[in-house]
């Protein structure tokens, strides 16, 4: 989705005063919309946070969520257990409120806060990473960044660049959360080039699936979150497949302190580490080689 399409999708779900504010924004300007029951709505842009007049009640907030999910909230209860829902166009809607646990399963029963993170396509974001891919073998890359620093956007452009052009690699993309490619009925709605996309499947099953079925030279995947994901990366590398992934963190040292990632780094699983700038989303603050030395 470009900004016009995003606005056309979001605007009908909001009251007039919010639609008017959206109309004044430029493409790529809006990063988040934060809505809390009985509190002012916030627009978070690249440079400021603006408090708006709309203060929805709790029932209005739940009606908004229903509208944004295109009236499929109940049917998508498995996603809400993880705290978010991926909307059409790859936008992520985080949910917070009253949780009820029954039989060891947590369910969100009343919504009090919503955070809509706007997906963006920034062609060229991955230029400084693909510049390191001049050979016949793809480079394995780990992107490190805090929430909201552009990890997903960078991975998306990386998949696009690696899978297209004269020196393209056979690239597969695991879109476990539906944010990277924003598939509808298996067809990507965001530009990930010629990558083969496996949508809505955990890495543990997706990596062997892709290796068996698509023979990729490189796999691009979203956030690594534990020992299981780390084991999947090692399995792919053992099969001769490069891996590009992301992880939450603020520095290389921060990422290395996590037990699952420490094992990957000790094995020098990645050829390149990219740390994102906390103050400039999508911008790379530092690059390191596989031994952790600055480039």
Foldseek 3Di string as FASTA:
>chain_A
DWLVVVLVLQVVLDDPQVNVVSVPDDTQFFFKWKAFAQAFIWTDGLPDIDTDDDHHHQVSVVSSVCSQQVNCCVVVFVVCQVQWAQGAPQKIKGWDDDWDDDPNGITDDTTGMIMIGDDDADAPLQVVVCVVVPDLADFAEEEEEAPRQAQLNNLQNVLQVQCDDDNHWAEAEEAQRCRNQVDDVLHGPDRRHPHRYDYNDDLLPVLVVCCVPPVTQEYEYEEDDDLSSLVSLVVCVVVNHHYYYYYYDQDPVGQCVDVNVVVCLVVLSGQKYFYGDHSGRSHTPWMAGSNRHTD
